[in-house]
Amino acid sequence: MENSEQTWGITPPISCALPTPAETHSTTLLLEELRRQNTFESATETKKRERVLLDLQRIADEFVKRVAKEKEPQNEVLIRDARGEVFTYGSYCLGVYGPGSDIDTLVTAPRYVTRDDYFKYFPSLLQEMAPKGAVTDLTAVEDAFVPIIKFEYWGISIDLIFSRIATLKQFPPHGQLNLTNNEYLRGLDDRELRSLNGTRVTREILNLVPEQSTFRLALRAIKLWAQRRAIYANIIGFPGGVVWAMMVARVCQLYPKAASSTIVTKFFQIMKSWHWPQPVQLKRMDDGPLNVRVWNPKVYKSDSYHLMPVITPAYPQMCATFNITHSTMTIIQRELERGFDLTTKIRDGKLQWKDLFDKHTFFTADHRYYLAVIATSTTKEAHKIWSGFVESKVRVLVGDLERVSSISIARPFNKGYERVHRVKNDQETEEVQNGSLAYRIQDDDSDDDSKVNKENGVEVKTENAKIENIPQAPSLGSKIYTTTHYVGLELAEGAKSLDLSYQVNTFKNMCAQWEKYQSNLNFLSIQTVKNTNLPDDVFEPGEVKPTRPLKRAAAMKRNASSEVC
């Protein structure tokens, strides 16, 4: 009996047809291309990940046991059976990780273990119990939105978060704790709820797709496509990994028996025509045990402003795409249209799968004008904090730019460029703060980012915008750290000039009012850059940097030709 209509998703499937031989062959070709694109890691590297997780489980058990000994030293049974449970989430849990991928990891513990205990014991236990030299770059961030310990273990990047389970004083044997049980959310604070959410959402996604292997291969393809097209970065205003996963999962529900190649093709066909802001949902909204907010645009006005809502399937349901702006939505839709055209031609045999994964042209062809948002710090540690904050606010600047009548699109690039510079005096320091790469500690002959001033009838003015009531940063010493985020501008038709001084000053003042901003450590500059003045390091080997039209040279050549005649 066919039960797909009742089983998968909130609507009946569009088709339950089995793959044709041509679709099966196309899936084989897709798999071969993804292997050529190096999206799969070796079996040896995968085994190393598994060993790392086993080590983390061993350390988590010892962590809980030590807390039990400290808090109830007379309770022998509690101490004997004390254990934690390590879960993964994100790409590793979904089974779509590749070379260099990090492992998003969650440590859970019984109710008597607190977050303070986690940060008191776990970092030192990592150093104590891991093999010598295995753990490097250990950083604990207790006051983050989701408190986290970051480190590398045998060269694999680990993001380790924590939550207790307030309803359990003793955990069941390993492998038997099911975090999708809503009862485990009782008694937790907001940070603990956020920590549990990643694993709960990832597990729900896997439970809600008809065929996990089909889903995983299709998701690998969509992730690679989104990364190559520079539309993969939640913090900047594009979908992140979990959003692309939910969108692919929804297509799998609509075609429960299709091959992965068909899912990829149907993904573009369906998502390019999706009736936003109708939400993408994998299941109907759950009721839960908590008095917490769940996504509901009929009740919460702010939820109705979400442009492309994709709703997490685990309670409490939330919109995972609240960061998307009008500009990033426009870019996503353009790319979905492009992807549909390409996959249609691939299906018809006119193109190959490799054509879907061509790299973006953000720097080489897409824009004439850019804003460079340059976060500067005096120390490496200060820069991690400051640049991370500025990155999280770039989407706010994009939103302000979108409201300028002369701007059609403000498109942020999906990653920042980190650079280190060495300077000798205040003048060189100021030059670096304002975009110069002349003192970068690498072989780099790039010219300074320069101001756009009345070129081709369009004037862009931001460089001289001043930030008021903020102390001038003193000399930054011999070494300076910068991270630059680029925002590509598309001007509205007929635009002749563009004064962004107000938007720039507003953004700089907002960042400078952050409670952790320190004028002696941090600096923020926003400069305009023409495409011909972009630094060399944003171009990869084989890419051609835009050049200024050689009008004068062409005219001289014509004149010489006429003289010869």
Protein backbone atom coordinates (compact mmCIF):
# COMPACT_ATOMS: atom_id res chain seq x y z
CA MET A 1 0.00 0.00 0.00
CA GLU A 2 1.27 3.48 -0.90
CA ASN A 3 1.45 5.61 2.26
CA SER A 4 3.69 8.39 0.97
CA GLU A 5 0.89 10.95 1.00
CA GLN A 6 0.29 10.44 4.71
CA THR A 7 3.91 10.04 5.68
CA TRP A 8 6.07 12.76 4.16
CA GLY A 9 5.53 16.46 4.65
CA ILE A 10 2.44 18.61 5.01
CA THR A 11 1.11 18.07 1.47
CA PRO A 12 0.74 14.99 -0.77
CA PRO A 13 3.67 14.15 -3.05
CA ILE A 14 3.77 15.56 -6.56
CA SER A 15 5.02 12.25 -7.97
CA CYS A 16 5.86 8.83 -6.59
CA ALA A 17 7.38 7.65 -9.87
CA LEU A 18 10.44 5.42 -9.69
CA PRO A 19 13.66 6.58 -11.38
CA THR A 20 14.03 5.92 -15.10
CA PRO A 21 17.27 4.38 -16.41
CA ALA A 22 18.27 7.83 -17.71
CA GLU A 23 17.74 9.38 -14.26
CA THR A 24 19.73 6.62 -12.58
CA HIS A 25 22.56 7.17 -15.05
CA SER A 26 22.43 10.92 -14.45
CA THR A 27 22.75 10.28 -10.71
CA THR A 28 25.84 8.17 -11.36
CA LEU A 29 27.33 11.02 -13.39
CA LEU A 30 26.45 13.49 -10.58
CA LEU A 31 28.19 11.30 -8.00
CA GLU A 32 31.28 11.03 -10.20
CA GLU A 33 31.37 14.82 -10.63
CA LEU A 34 31.02 15.44 -6.90
CA ARG A 35 33.97 13.10 -6.33
CA ARG A 36 35.99 15.02 -8.92
CA GLN A 37 35.05 18.22 -7.11
CA ASN A 38 36.59 16.76 -3.91
CA THR A 39 33.42 16.92 -1.82
CA PHE A 40 34.09 13.50 -0.24
CA GLU A 41 36.91 12.88 2.19
CA SER A 42 38.99 9.70 2.38
CA ALA A 43 38.02 6.74 4.54
CA THR A 44 41.14 7.41 6.64
CA GLU A 45 40.02 10.95 7.44
CA THR A 46 36.52 9.74 8.30
CA LYS A 47 37.99 7.17 10.69
CA LYS A 48 39.97 9.96 12.33
CA ARG A 49 36.74 11.91 12.91
CA GLU A 50 35.21 8.84 14.53
CA ARG A 51 38.22 8.48 16.84
CA VAL A 52 37.96 12.16 17.80
CA LEU A 53 34.30 11.72 18.74
CA LEU A 54 35.11 8.62 20.79
CA ASP A 55 37.75 10.63 22.65
CA LEU A 56 35.29 13.44 23.28
CA GLN A 57 32.77 10.93 24.65
CA ARG A 58 35.43 9.54 27.00
CA ILE A 59 36.31 13.05 28.18
CA ALA A 60 32.63 13.95 28.61
CA ASP A 61 32.11 10.91 30.85
CA GLU A 62 35.07 11.86 33.02
CA PHE A 63 33.80 15.45 33.17
CA VAL A 64 30.40 14.39 34.54
CA LYS A 65 32.03 11.95 36.95
CA ARG A 66 34.26 14.69 38.39
CA VAL A 67 31.32 17.02 38.90
CA ALA A 68 29.40 14.20 40.59
CA LYS A 69 32.35 13.57 42.96
CA GLU A 70 32.52 17.25 43.83
CA LYS A 71 28.81 17.78 44.44
CA GLU A 72 27.79 14.43 45.97
CA PRO A 73 30.99 12.76 47.18
CA GLN A 74 29.06 10.22 49.31
CA ASN A 75 26.75 9.06 46.53
CA GLU A 76 28.66 6.07 45.19
CA VAL A 77 25.90 4.97 42.81
CA LEU A 78 25.65 8.43 41.24
CA ILE A 79 29.42 8.60 40.78
CA ARG A 80 29.63 5.04 39.42
CA ASP A 81 26.95 5.62 36.77
CA ALA A 82 27.83 9.24 35.99
CA ARG A 83 28.09 9.80 32.26
CA GLY A 84 27.50 12.44 29.62
CA GLU A 85 26.36 12.03 26.05
CA VAL A 86 28.02 13.56 22.98
CA PHE A 87 25.89 14.42 19.96
CA THR A 88 26.73 15.97 16.61
CA TYR A 89 24.71 18.31 14.45
CA GLY A 90 25.18 20.18 11.18
CA SER A 91 27.00 18.69 8.18
CA TYR A 92 28.60 15.81 10.08
CA CYS A 93 25.31 14.62 11.54
CA LEU A 94 23.59 15.03 8.17
CA GLY A 95 26.32 12.96 6.52
CA VAL A 96 27.37 15.63 4.01
CA TYR A 97 30.75 16.62 5.42
CA GLY A 98 33.88 16.82 3.29
CA PRO A 99 37.61 17.56 3.50
CA GLY A 100 38.27 20.31 6.02
CA SER A 101 34.74 20.33 7.44
CA ASP A 102 34.43 21.04 11.13
CA ILE A 103 32.41 18.89 13.54
CA ASP A 104 29.59 20.67 15.33
CA THR A 105 29.36 18.86 18.66
CA LEU A 106 27.09 18.99 21.70
CA VAL A 107 27.91 17.69 25.18
CA THR A 108 24.90 16.89 27.36
CA ALA A 109 24.96 16.11 31.07
CA PRO A 110 22.55 15.35 33.95
CA ARG A 111 20.80 18.17 35.81
CA TYR A 112 23.41 18.64 38.53
CA VAL A 113 26.04 19.65 35.96
CA THR A 114 25.89 23.37 35.12
CA ARG A 115 27.28 25.53 32.36
CA ASP A 116 29.72 27.00 34.89
CA ASP A 117 30.97 23.48 35.58
CA TYR A 118 31.44 22.95 31.85
CA PHE A 119 33.71 25.94 31.44
CA LYS A 120 35.49 25.21 34.73
CA TYR A 121 36.41 21.60 34.00
CA PHE A 122 36.13 20.78 30.30
CA PRO A 123 38.94 22.90 28.80
CA SER A 124 41.50 21.52 31.27
CA LEU A 125 40.19 17.96 30.81
CA LEU A 126 40.69 18.28 27.06
CA GLN A 127 44.34 19.15 27.60
CA GLU A 128 44.75 16.47 30.28
CA MET A 129 43.04 13.51 28.60
CA ALA A 130 43.71 14.05 24.90
CA PRO A 131 46.93 12.67 23.41
CA LYS A 132 49.81 15.09 23.75
CA GLY A 133 49.63 17.78 21.08
CA ALA A 134 46.22 16.64 19.79
CA VAL A 135 44.34 19.71 21.07
CA THR A 136 45.39 23.11 19.70
CA ASP A 137 43.93 26.64 19.40
CA LEU A 138 41.65 26.14 22.41
CA THR A 139 39.31 29.09 23.01
CA ALA A 140 36.37 29.22 25.43
CA VAL A 141 33.66 31.84 24.79
CA GLU A 142 31.35 31.79 27.79
CA ASP A 143 29.28 34.87 26.99
CA ALA A 144 28.45 33.99 23.37
CA PHE A 145 24.83 33.76 22.19
CA VAL A 146 25.46 30.02 22.28
CA PRO A 147 28.35 29.50 24.77
CA ILE A 148 31.06 27.48 23.07
CA ILE A 149 34.52 25.94 23.34
CA LYS A 150 36.42 26.03 20.04
CA PHE A 151 39.55 23.99 19.34
CA GLU A 152 41.25 21.73 16.87
CA TYR A 153 41.68 18.03 17.61
CA TRP A 154 44.21 16.29 15.38
CA GLY A 155 43.71 19.13 12.91
CA ILE A 156 39.91 18.81 12.83
CA SER A 157 38.04 21.96 13.88
CA ILE A 158 35.60 21.31 16.72
CA ASP A 159 32.80 23.61 17.91
CA LEU A 160 31.73 22.19 21.27
CA ILE A 161 28.60 23.45 23.03
CA PHE A 162 26.85 22.27 26.19
CA SER A 163 23.47 21.70 27.76
CA ARG A 164 22.25 19.86 30.80
CA ILE A 165 19.07 17.79 30.75
CA ALA A 166 17.18 19.15 33.75
CA THR A 167 14.70 16.27 33.94
CA LEU A 168 17.38 13.59 34.35
CA LYS A 169 19.70 13.03 37.29
CA GLN A 170 21.18 9.95 35.66
CA PHE A 171 21.59 9.25 31.93
CA PRO A 172 20.61 5.96 30.27
CA PRO A 173 23.36 3.87 28.63
CA HIS A 174 25.15 5.47 25.70
CA GLY A 175 23.08 5.73 22.54
CA GLN A 176 19.71 5.61 24.29
CA LEU A 177 19.17 9.32 25.01
CA ASN A 178 16.74 10.68 22.39
CA LEU A 179 16.95 14.47 22.27
CA THR A 180 13.94 14.78 19.96
CA ASN A 181 11.79 14.12 23.06
CA ASN A 182 10.25 17.49 23.91
CA GLU A 183 10.12 16.64 27.61
CA TYR A 184 13.89 17.09 27.78
CA LEU A 185 13.37 20.81 27.14
CA ARG A 186 11.77 21.38 30.53
CA GLY A 187 13.69 23.43 33.06
CA LEU A 188 16.28 24.79 30.63
CA ASP A 189 17.31 28.42 30.13
CA ASP A 190 17.40 30.10 26.72
CA ARG A 191 21.07 29.33 26.10
CA GLU A 192 20.54 25.65 26.89
CA LEU A 193 17.53 25.53 24.57
CA ARG A 194 19.59 27.07 21.79
CA SER A 195 22.36 24.56 22.41
CA LEU A 196 19.99 21.60 22.08
CA ASN A 197 18.28 23.06 19.01
CA GLY A 198 21.02 22.20 16.48
CA THR A 199 20.98 18.48 17.22
CA ARG A 200 17.18 18.34 17.48
CA VAL A 201 16.70 20.07 14.11
CA THR A 202 19.30 17.93 12.34
CA ARG A 203 17.82 14.68 13.65
CA GLU A 204 14.30 15.78 12.68
CA ILE A 205 15.41 16.59 9.12
CA LEU A 206 16.85 13.08 8.71
CA ASN A 207 13.67 11.55 10.15
CA LEU A 208 11.48 13.50 7.72
CA VAL A 209 13.06 12.52 4.38
CA PRO A 210 11.88 9.39 2.55
CA GLU A 211 15.35 8.13 1.56
CA GLN A 212 18.39 9.44 3.41
CA SER A 213 20.99 8.39 0.84
CA THR A 214 19.08 10.18 -1.94
CA PHE A 215 18.75 13.26 0.24
CA ARG A 216 22.44 13.30 1.16
CA LEU A 217 23.72 13.12 -2.40
CA ALA A 218 21.31 15.81 -3.57
CA LEU A 219 22.23 18.01 -0.61
CA ARG A 220 25.95 17.65 -1.37
CA ALA A 221 25.23 18.96 -4.85
CA ILE A 222 23.13 21.89 -3.65
CA LYS A 223 25.67 22.83 -0.96
CA LEU A 224 28.51 22.83 -3.48
CA TRP A 225 26.42 24.90 -5.91
CA ALA A 226 25.50 27.44 -3.19
CA GLN A 227 29.11 27.73 -2.03
CA ARG A 228 30.43 28.19 -5.56
CA ARG A 229 27.80 30.85 -6.27
CA ALA A 230 28.62 32.68 -2.98
CA ILE A 231 25.10 32.39 -1.56
CA TYR A 232 25.97 30.23 1.45
CA ALA A 233 26.35 32.18 4.73
CA ASN A 234 23.61 32.63 7.29
CA ILE A 235 25.39 35.37 9.24
CA ILE A 236 25.71 37.55 6.11
CA GLY A 237 22.11 37.16 4.97
CA PHE A 238 22.13 34.06 2.77
CA PRO A 239 20.87 30.58 3.68
CA GLY A 240 23.22 28.51 5.81
CA GLY A 241 23.74 24.77 5.68
CA VAL A 242 20.67 23.83 7.70
CA VAL A 243 18.40 25.99 5.49
CA TRP A 244 19.63 24.44 2.26
CA ALA A 245 19.15 21.04 3.93
CA MET A 246 15.53 21.80 4.82
CA MET A 247 14.80 23.06 1.31
CA VAL A 248 16.27 19.93 -0.26
CA ALA A 249 14.40 17.78 2.26
CA ARG A 250 11.10 19.41 1.23
CA VAL A 251 11.73 18.49 -2.41
CA CYS A 252 12.55 14.92 -1.34
CA GLN A 253 9.16 14.78 0.37
CA LEU A 254 7.44 15.91 -2.82
CA TYR A 255 9.28 13.27 -4.90
CA PRO A 256 9.73 10.43 -2.37
CA LYS A 257 11.00 7.80 -4.81
CA ALA A 258 13.07 10.01 -7.14
CA ALA A 259 16.80 9.66 -7.80
CA SER A 260 19.22 12.27 -6.48
CA SER A 261 19.74 13.83 -9.91
CA THR A 262 15.99 14.33 -10.22
CA ILE A 263 15.82 15.89 -6.74
CA VAL A 264 18.50 18.40 -7.77
CA THR A 265 16.64 19.32 -10.97
CA LYS A 266 13.27 19.53 -9.19
CA PHE A 267 14.88 21.62 -6.43
CA PHE A 268 15.53 24.45 -8.87
CA GLN A 269 12.19 24.03 -10.62
CA ILE A 270 10.22 24.23 -7.38
CA MET A 271 12.24 26.77 -5.41
CA LYS A 272 12.54 29.29 -8.25
CA SER A 273 8.73 29.41 -8.39
CA TRP A 274 8.02 29.16 -4.65
CA HIS A 275 5.28 31.55 -3.54
CA TRP A 276 7.19 33.43 -0.86
CA PRO A 277 6.45 34.31 1.90
CA GLN A 278 4.64 30.97 2.03
CA PRO A 279 6.95 29.05 4.39
CA VAL A 280 8.95 25.95 3.59
CA GLN A 281 7.93 23.44 6.28
CA LEU A 282 8.78 19.77 6.70
CA LYS A 283 6.00 19.03 9.17
CA ARG A 284 3.06 20.68 10.83
CA MET A 285 3.69 22.85 13.87
CA ASP A 286 4.04 20.90 17.13
CA ASP A 287 2.63 21.80 20.48
CA GLY A 288 5.23 21.58 23.22
CA PRO A 289 5.61 21.69 26.99
CA LEU A 290 7.08 25.19 27.20
CA ASN A 291 5.64 28.67 27.31
CA VAL A 292 7.94 29.87 24.54
CA ARG A 293 7.47 31.67 21.28
CA VAL A 294 7.12 29.65 18.09
CA TRP A 295 7.04 31.08 14.58
CA ASN A 296 3.57 32.44 13.80
CA PRO A 297 3.15 35.47 11.52
CA LYS A 298 -0.53 35.73 12.48
CA VAL A 299 0.38 36.30 16.12
CA TYR A 300 3.79 37.99 15.90
CA LYS A 301 4.05 40.99 13.61
CA SER A 302 7.83 40.63 13.23
CA ASP A 303 7.40 37.10 11.83
CA SER A 304 5.29 38.51 8.99
CA TYR A 305 8.32 40.52 7.78
CA HIS A 306 10.36 37.39 6.95
CA LEU A 307 10.88 37.35 3.20
CA MET A 308 11.77 33.68 2.59
CA PRO A 309 10.66 31.79 5.70
CA VAL A 310 12.11 28.29 6.13
CA ILE A 311 10.86 26.82 9.40
CA THR A 312 12.84 24.44 11.58
CA PRO A 313 10.99 21.16 12.20
CA ALA A 314 11.89 20.75 15.89
CA TYR A 315 9.90 22.38 18.67
CA PRO A 316 10.01 25.32 19.31
CA GLN A 317 9.74 26.00 15.59
CA MET A 318 11.67 29.05 14.39
CA CYS A 319 12.39 30.81 11.12
CA ALA A 320 15.96 29.97 10.10
CA THR A 321 16.04 32.65 7.37
CA PHE A 322 15.22 35.82 9.32
CA ASN A 323 18.56 37.29 8.16
CA ILE A 324 17.60 37.38 4.48
CA THR A 325 17.25 40.89 3.04
CA HIS A 326 15.59 42.13 -0.15
CA SER A 327 18.96 42.18 -1.92
CA THR A 328 20.06 38.71 -0.88
CA MET A 329 16.61 37.35 -1.75
CA THR A 330 16.93 38.85 -5.25
CA ILE A 331 20.37 37.26 -5.68
CA ILE A 332 19.11 33.88 -4.45
CA GLN A 333 16.21 33.99 -6.90
CA ARG A 334 18.54 34.89 -9.77
CA GLU A 335 20.74 31.93 -8.91
CA LEU A 336 17.77 29.58 -8.66
CA GLU A 337 16.67 30.68 -12.14
CA ARG A 338 20.19 30.14 -13.45
CA GLY A 339 20.34 26.72 -11.76
CA PHE A 340 17.03 25.73 -13.33
CA ASP A 341 18.26 26.68 -16.81
CA LEU A 342 21.48 24.73 -16.31
CA THR A 343 19.91 21.59 -14.86
CA THR A 344 17.32 21.56 -17.65
CA LYS A 345 20.15 21.53 -20.19
CA ILE A 346 22.00 18.88 -18.17
CA ARG A 347 18.87 16.72 -18.19
CA ASP A 348 18.60 17.19 -21.96
CA GLY A 349 22.25 16.25 -22.47
CA LYS A 350 23.34 19.72 -23.61
CA LEU A 351 25.55 20.40 -20.59
CA GLN A 352 27.39 18.38 -17.94
CA TRP A 353 27.05 18.47 -14.15
CA LYS A 354 30.32 20.34 -13.81
CA ASP A 355 28.68 23.35 -15.47
CA LEU A 356 26.32 23.71 -12.50
CA PHE A 357 29.28 24.23 -10.18
CA ASP A 358 30.99 27.08 -12.02
CA LYS A 359 32.34 29.69 -9.63
CA HIS A 360 30.61 33.03 -9.04
CA THR A 361 31.74 36.22 -10.79
CA PHE A 362 31.19 38.57 -7.84
CA PHE A 363 34.57 40.27 -8.24
CA THR A 364 35.34 39.59 -11.89
CA ALA A 365 32.14 40.76 -13.61
CA ASP A 366 29.11 41.38 -11.42
CA HIS A 367 29.71 44.90 -10.05
CA ARG A 368 31.48 48.15 -10.89
CA TYR A 369 31.36 49.54 -7.37
CA TYR A 370 31.90 47.97 -3.96
CA LEU A 371 31.90 49.02 -0.34
CA ALA A 372 34.78 47.60 1.69
CA VAL A 373 33.86 47.23 5.37
CA ILE A 374 37.24 47.05 7.13
CA ALA A 375 37.43 45.91 10.77
CA THR A 376 40.86 46.53 12.32
CA SER A 377 42.38 45.43 15.65
CA THR A 378 45.73 45.64 17.38
CA THR A 379 45.82 42.06 18.69
CA LYS A 380 44.82 38.70 17.28
CA GLU A 381 42.53 37.86 20.19
CA ALA A 382 40.81 41.26 20.11
CA HIS A 383 40.34 40.90 16.38
CA LYS A 384 38.53 37.57 16.69
CA ILE A 385 35.90 39.28 18.83
CA TRP A 386 35.69 42.59 16.96
CA SER A 387 35.68 41.16 13.42
CA GLY A 388 33.07 38.57 14.42
CA PHE A 389 30.80 41.32 15.73
CA VAL A 390 31.22 43.47 12.62
CA GLU A 391 30.52 40.45 10.39
CA SER A 392 27.28 39.79 12.25
CA LYS A 393 26.14 43.36 11.53
CA VAL A 394 27.01 43.62 7.82
CA ARG A 395 23.45 42.59 6.98
CA VAL A 396 22.23 45.66 8.93
CA LEU A 397 24.32 47.89 6.66
CA VAL A 398 22.92 46.04 3.63
CA GLY A 399 19.39 46.74 4.85
CA ASP A 400 20.17 50.47 5.19
CA LEU A 401 21.74 50.58 1.73
CA GLU A 402 18.68 48.93 0.19
CA ARG A 403 16.60 51.92 1.27
CA VAL A 404 18.75 54.36 -0.72
CA SER A 405 16.82 55.28 -3.87
CA SER A 406 19.94 55.24 -6.05
CA ILE A 407 20.76 51.62 -5.10
CA SER A 408 19.00 48.71 -6.72
CA ILE A 409 20.94 45.87 -5.05
CA ALA A 410 23.45 45.76 -2.19
CA ARG A 411 24.99 42.30 -2.33
CA PRO A 412 27.35 41.23 0.48
CA PHE A 413 30.04 38.71 -0.36
CA ASN A 414 29.63 35.59 1.74
CA LYS A 415 33.01 35.70 3.48
CA GLY A 416 35.51 38.21 4.79
CA TYR A 417 39.17 38.54 3.82
CA GLU A 418 41.55 38.33 6.76
CA ARG A 419 44.90 40.10 6.43
CA VAL A 420 47.87 40.92 8.65
CA HIS A 421 49.97 44.07 8.23
CA ARG A 422 53.16 45.49 9.75
CA VAL A 423 53.45 49.26 10.11
CA LYS A 424 56.10 51.64 11.39
CA ASN A 425 54.19 54.81 12.23
CA ASP A 426 50.77 56.41 12.64
CA GLN A 427 50.52 57.39 8.99
CA GLU A 428 50.98 53.81 7.83
CA THR A 429 48.51 52.67 10.49
CA GLU A 430 45.88 55.06 9.14
CA GLU A 431 46.51 53.91 5.59
CA VAL A 432 45.91 50.27 6.58
CA GLN A 433 42.76 51.21 8.50
CA ASN A 434 41.44 52.84 5.36
CA GLY A 435 42.13 49.90 3.08
CA SER A 436 45.78 49.99 2.05
CA LEU A 437 47.50 46.65 1.50
CA ALA A 438 50.94 48.23 1.07
CA TYR A 439 52.14 46.93 4.44
CA ARG A 440 50.62 43.48 4.35
CA ILE A 441 52.94 40.78 5.69
CA GLN A 442 52.98 38.77 2.47
CA ASP A 443 54.20 39.29 -1.07
CA ASP A 444 51.38 41.49 -2.30
CA ASP A 445 51.70 44.20 -4.91
CA SER A 446 48.05 45.23 -4.78
CA ASP A 447 47.36 48.93 -4.94
CA ASP A 448 45.45 50.61 -2.15
CA ASP A 449 41.69 50.41 -2.29
CA SER A 450 40.79 53.78 -3.72
CA LYS A 451 37.85 56.09 -3.68
CA VAL A 452 35.36 56.18 -6.52
CA ASN A 453 35.03 59.79 -7.61
CA LYS A 454 32.96 60.86 -10.58
CA GLU A 455 33.77 58.04 -12.98
CA ASN A 456 31.56 57.39 -15.99
CA GLY A 457 29.05 59.95 -14.76
CA VAL A 458 28.49 58.26 -11.37
CA GLU A 459 29.86 59.80 -8.20
CA VAL A 460 30.08 57.71 -5.03
CA LYS A 461 30.96 59.52 -1.80
CA THR A 462 31.72 57.79 1.51
CA GLU A 463 35.42 58.01 2.19
CA ASN A 464 35.29 61.40 3.87
CA ALA A 465 32.37 60.49 6.10
CA LYS A 466 33.40 61.11 9.73
CA ILE A 467 32.36 59.25 12.83
CA GLU A 468 31.66 61.62 15.68
CA ASN A 469 32.13 61.40 19.45
CA ILE A 470 34.44 58.40 19.22
CA PRO A 471 38.05 58.70 20.37
CA GLN A 472 40.61 58.44 17.59
CA ALA A 473 42.44 55.11 17.69
CA PRO A 474 46.07 55.63 18.70
CA SER A 475 48.98 54.10 16.84
CA LEU A 476 48.35 50.39 16.45
CA GLY A 477 51.98 49.44 16.89
CA SER A 478 53.88 47.12 14.59
CA LYS A 479 51.23 44.55 13.66
CA ILE A 480 47.64 45.14 12.61
CA TYR A 481 44.87 42.61 11.88
CA THR A 482 42.12 43.41 9.41
CA THR A 483 39.05 41.63 8.07
CA THR A 484 37.36 43.15 5.04
CA HIS A 485 33.83 42.41 3.89
CA TYR A 486 32.85 43.51 0.39
CA VAL A 487 29.38 44.65 -0.60
CA GLY A 488 28.72 44.84 -4.34
CA LEU A 489 26.45 47.69 -5.44
CA GLU A 490 24.03 47.70 -8.36
CA LEU A 491 22.88 51.25 -9.03
CA ALA A 492 19.30 52.07 -9.92
CA GLU A 493 18.64 53.01 -13.51
CA GLY A 494 19.48 56.65 -14.13
CA ALA A 495 21.51 57.09 -10.94
CA LYS A 496 24.13 59.81 -11.42
CA SER A 497 25.48 60.25 -7.90
CA LEU A 498 25.45 58.32 -4.66
CA ASP A 499 26.06 59.83 -1.24
CA LEU A 500 26.22 57.08 1.41
CA SER A 501 27.68 59.23 4.18
CA TYR A 502 24.59 58.94 6.38
CA GLN A 503 24.35 55.14 6.08
CA VAL A 504 28.10 54.74 6.67
CA ASN A 505 28.15 56.99 9.74
CA THR A 506 25.06 55.33 11.19
CA PHE A 507 26.63 51.89 10.84
CA LYS A 508 29.98 52.96 12.28
CA ASN A 509 28.30 54.63 15.25
CA MET A 510 26.19 51.53 15.91
CA CYS A 511 29.28 49.31 15.94
CA ALA A 512 31.22 51.75 18.14
CA GLN A 513 28.40 51.70 20.70
CA TRP A 514 28.85 47.95 21.24
CA GLU A 515 29.66 47.29 24.88
CA LYS A 516 32.87 45.45 23.98
CA TYR A 517 34.18 48.10 21.61
CA GLN A 518 37.52 49.53 22.73
CA SER A 519 38.86 52.52 20.84
CA ASN A 520 42.47 51.62 21.66
CA LEU A 521 42.02 48.13 20.15
CA ASN A 522 39.33 48.40 17.49
CA PHE A 523 38.73 50.53 14.42
CA LEU A 524 36.14 50.44 11.63
CA SER A 525 36.41 52.01 8.20
CA ILE A 526 34.13 51.83 5.19
CA GLN A 527 35.67 52.68 1.83
CA THR A 528 34.41 52.70 -1.74
CA VAL A 529 36.31 50.58 -4.24
CA LYS A 530 35.96 50.45 -8.01
CA ASN A 531 36.22 47.02 -9.62
CA THR A 532 39.52 47.96 -11.28
CA ASN A 533 40.99 48.79 -7.86
CA LEU A 534 40.05 45.56 -6.07
CA PRO A 535 43.04 43.92 -4.33
CA ASP A 536 44.66 40.97 -6.04
CA ASP A 537 43.95 38.49 -3.24
CA VAL A 538 40.20 38.41 -3.95
CA PHE A 539 40.96 36.81 -7.33
CA GLU A 540 41.84 33.15 -7.62
CA PRO A 541 44.36 31.75 -10.13
CA GLY A 542 42.93 31.92 -13.62
CA GLU A 543 40.50 34.74 -12.85
CA VAL A 544 40.92 37.99 -14.75
CA LYS A 545 40.89 41.21 -12.74
CA PRO A 546 38.76 43.98 -14.32
CA THR A 547 40.83 46.63 -16.03
CA ARG A 548 40.17 50.23 -16.97
CA PRO A 549 39.00 50.58 -20.62
CA LEU A 550 41.91 51.62 -22.79
CA LYS A 551 39.99 54.33 -24.64
CA ARG A 552 42.96 56.58 -25.12
CA ALA A 553 45.12 53.73 -26.40
CA ALA A 554 42.40 52.67 -28.82
CA ALA A 555 42.02 56.23 -30.11
CA MET A 556 45.75 56.59 -30.61
CA LYS A 557 45.80 53.31 -32.53
CA ARG A 558 42.98 54.50 -34.82
CA ASN A 559 44.77 57.77 -35.47
CA ALA A 560 47.98 55.94 -36.30
CA SER A 561 46.12 53.69 -38.71
CA SER A 562 44.55 56.66 -40.50
CA GLU A 563 47.95 58.32 -40.84
CA VAL A 564 49.39 55.18 -42.40
CA CYS A 565 46.56 55.11 -44.91
